[in-house]
Protein backbone atom coordinates (compact mmCIF):
# COMPACT_ATOMS: atom_id res chain seq x y z
CA ALA A 1 75.85 84.68 40.55
CA LEU A 2 72.49 82.96 40.92
CA LEU A 3 70.75 85.97 39.41
CA SER A 4 73.13 85.82 36.44
CA VAL A 5 72.31 82.15 35.93
CA LEU A 6 68.58 82.89 35.99
CA VAL A 7 68.96 85.78 33.54
CA ILE A 8 71.00 83.60 31.18
CA TRP A 9 68.51 80.76 31.51
CA TYR A 10 65.59 83.13 30.74
CA THR A 11 67.45 84.69 27.81
CA VAL A 12 68.22 81.27 26.38
CA GLY A 13 64.55 80.35 26.63
CA GLU A 14 63.46 83.59 24.96
CA TYR A 15 65.88 83.31 22.09
CA SER A 16 66.01 79.55 21.76
CA THR A 17 64.97 79.63 18.11
CA HIS A 18 67.93 81.81 17.25
CA PHE A 19 70.26 79.66 19.37
CA ASN A 20 68.88 76.48 17.85
CA ALA A 21 69.57 77.80 14.34
CA VAL A 22 73.14 78.71 15.29
CA LYS A 23 73.57 75.41 17.11
CA ARG A 24 72.41 73.38 14.12
CA SER A 25 74.87 75.14 11.84
CA LEU A 26 77.90 75.22 14.19
CA MET A 27 77.39 72.35 16.61
CA PRO A 28 74.84 69.90 15.27
CA ASN A 29 75.34 67.31 18.05
CA VAL A 30 75.59 69.66 21.07
CA ASP A 31 72.63 70.75 23.19
CA VAL A 32 72.44 74.50 24.07
CA GLN A 33 71.88 73.69 27.73
CA THR A 34 75.09 71.65 27.74
CA VAL A 35 77.01 74.63 26.39
CA ILE A 36 75.50 76.90 29.05
CA PHE A 37 76.35 74.44 31.84
CA ILE A 38 79.92 74.24 30.55
CA LEU A 39 80.20 78.04 30.50
CA LEU A 40 78.75 78.33 34.00
CA GLY A 41 81.18 75.65 35.18
CA LEU A 42 84.08 77.65 33.75
CA VAL A 43 82.87 80.76 35.59
CA VAL A 44 82.70 78.81 38.87
CA VAL A 45 86.18 77.35 38.29
CA PHE A 46 87.50 80.86 37.59
CA PHE A 47 86.16 82.29 40.86
CA VAL A 48 87.24 79.30 42.95
CA GLY A 49 90.66 79.42 41.31
CA GLN A 50 90.97 83.12 42.07
CA ARG A 51 90.17 82.46 45.74
CA PHE A 52 92.72 79.62 45.83
CA TRP A 53 95.39 81.80 44.21
CA MET A 54 94.74 84.57 46.74
CA ARG A 55 95.16 82.10 49.61
CA ARG A 56 98.43 80.76 48.17
CA SER A 57 99.93 84.26 47.92
CA VAL A 58 99.13 85.15 51.56
CA VAL A 59 101.53 84.12 54.32
CA GLU A 60 99.62 82.73 57.29
CA VAL A 61 101.17 82.49 60.74
CA SER A 62 100.00 80.92 63.97
CA ALA A 63 98.84 83.13 66.83
CA ASN A 64 102.12 82.48 68.68
CA GLU A 65 104.20 83.34 65.59
CA ALA A 66 102.15 86.53 65.19
CA GLN A 67 102.79 87.44 68.83
CA GLU A 68 106.55 87.07 68.26
CA LYS A 69 106.40 89.34 65.20
CA ILE A 70 104.41 91.92 67.17
CA LYS A 71 106.94 91.81 70.03
CA ALA A 72 109.65 92.41 67.42
CA GLY A 73 107.88 95.59 66.27
CA ALA A 74 105.37 94.54 63.62
CA ALA A 75 102.30 96.67 63.05
CA PHE A 76 99.18 94.85 64.28
CA ILE A 77 95.88 95.44 62.47
CA ASP A 78 92.44 94.02 63.32
CA VAL A 79 90.11 94.10 60.29
CA ARG A 80 86.89 93.08 62.05
CA GLN A 81 83.86 95.31 62.52
CA PRO A 82 83.87 97.80 65.44
CA ALA A 83 81.31 95.79 67.46
CA GLU A 84 83.43 92.64 67.10
CA PHE A 85 86.54 94.58 68.12
CA GLN A 86 84.79 96.06 71.18
CA SER A 87 83.66 92.62 72.32
CA GLY A 88 87.31 91.69 72.80
CA HIS A 89 90.50 92.13 70.81
CA ALA A 90 94.16 91.27 70.99
CA ILE A 91 96.12 93.79 73.01
CA GLY A 92 97.92 96.28 70.77
CA ALA A 93 95.75 95.68 67.70
CA LYS A 94 94.64 98.75 65.75
CA LEU A 95 91.12 98.59 64.34
CA ILE A 96 90.87 99.17 60.59
CA PRO A 97 87.72 97.38 59.35
CA LEU A 98 88.26 95.53 56.09
CA HIS A 99 85.84 97.77 54.19
CA GLU A 100 87.91 100.83 55.24
CA LEU A 101 91.31 99.32 54.45
CA SER A 102 91.88 100.94 51.07
CA ALA A 103 90.90 104.39 52.40
CA ARG A 104 93.11 104.06 55.51
CA VAL A 105 96.09 102.23 54.01
CA LYS A 106 98.38 105.20 54.77
CA GLU A 107 97.97 104.40 58.48
CA ILE A 108 99.82 101.13 57.92
CA PRO A 109 103.62 101.45 57.73
CA LYS A 110 105.31 99.94 54.68
CA ASN A 111 108.75 99.75 56.30
CA LYS A 112 107.91 97.05 58.86
CA ASP A 113 106.17 93.71 59.16
CA VAL A 114 102.37 93.87 59.27
CA VAL A 115 100.31 91.27 61.15
CA ILE A 116 96.60 91.19 60.35
CA ILE A 117 93.92 89.48 62.43
CA CYS A 118 90.15 89.02 62.13
CA ALA A 119 87.67 86.56 63.65
CA SER A 120 88.61 83.41 61.72
CA GLY A 121 91.38 84.26 59.26
CA ASN A 122 89.29 84.87 56.13
CA ARG A 123 89.08 88.67 56.26
CA SER A 124 92.68 88.97 57.40
CA ALA A 125 93.78 86.85 54.42
CA SER A 126 91.80 89.14 52.12
CA ALA A 127 93.36 92.22 53.74
CA ALA A 128 96.85 90.72 53.49
CA TYR A 129 96.28 90.01 49.81
CA GLN A 130 95.12 93.60 49.23
CA LEU A 131 98.18 95.00 50.99
CA THR A 132 100.58 92.81 48.99
CA LYS A 133 98.92 94.09 45.82
CA LEU A 134 99.62 97.63 47.08
CA GLY A 135 103.33 96.87 47.47
CA TYR A 136 103.58 95.77 51.09
CA GLU A 137 106.17 93.03 51.36
CA ASN A 138 106.02 91.51 54.85
CA VAL A 139 102.33 90.97 55.52
CA PHE A 140 101.07 88.09 57.64
CA SER A 141 97.55 86.82 58.30
CA VAL A 142 96.83 85.15 61.65
CA ARG A 143 95.61 81.63 60.86
CA GLY A 144 92.39 81.04 62.80
CA GLY A 145 92.01 84.71 63.78
CA THR A 146 91.03 85.83 67.26
CA GLY A 147 89.66 82.36 67.98
CA ALA A 148 93.16 80.93 67.56
CA TRP A 149 94.57 83.89 69.49
CA ARG A 150 92.32 83.12 72.47
CA ASN A 151 92.95 79.38 72.20
CA ALA A 152 96.66 80.13 72.46
CA GLU A 153 95.82 82.06 75.66
CA LEU A 154 97.36 85.26 74.34
CA PRO A 155 96.28 88.59 75.90
CA VAL A 156 92.86 90.00 74.98
CA THR A 157 91.20 93.20 76.15
CA LYS A 158 87.85 95.00 75.68
């Protein structure tokens, strides 16, 4: 995003005479830099809004609620990196790193609840969002991730 801003800023500087001519004819009282800042602001609002919308569409559960769903038969997926997983993971969790999720989605059953965990809850929320977009209906992200899992004193293994 920063690179885009710099490219736009440079382009505006290079073609300022053309922009100034257009500005004078279309917007005589508006500075070109003001227009660019407004456009950049809209881009930022778009990306922040997208992130907010993703979070709203993901169902988050506590570590204890996740444990209950797992005991009831939910699939349990850990989307952290292998080294993170090996350093300690919730018992029964299957490792499918987030970057491999789309390629390995067939390993995740569609006919049961799916509980997803990561380190803090961010990657699991992203994974849950991806799965809901693929038609999974009962997908849950563990709020607080493995940190919350450990704080709840739920079982962890290496």
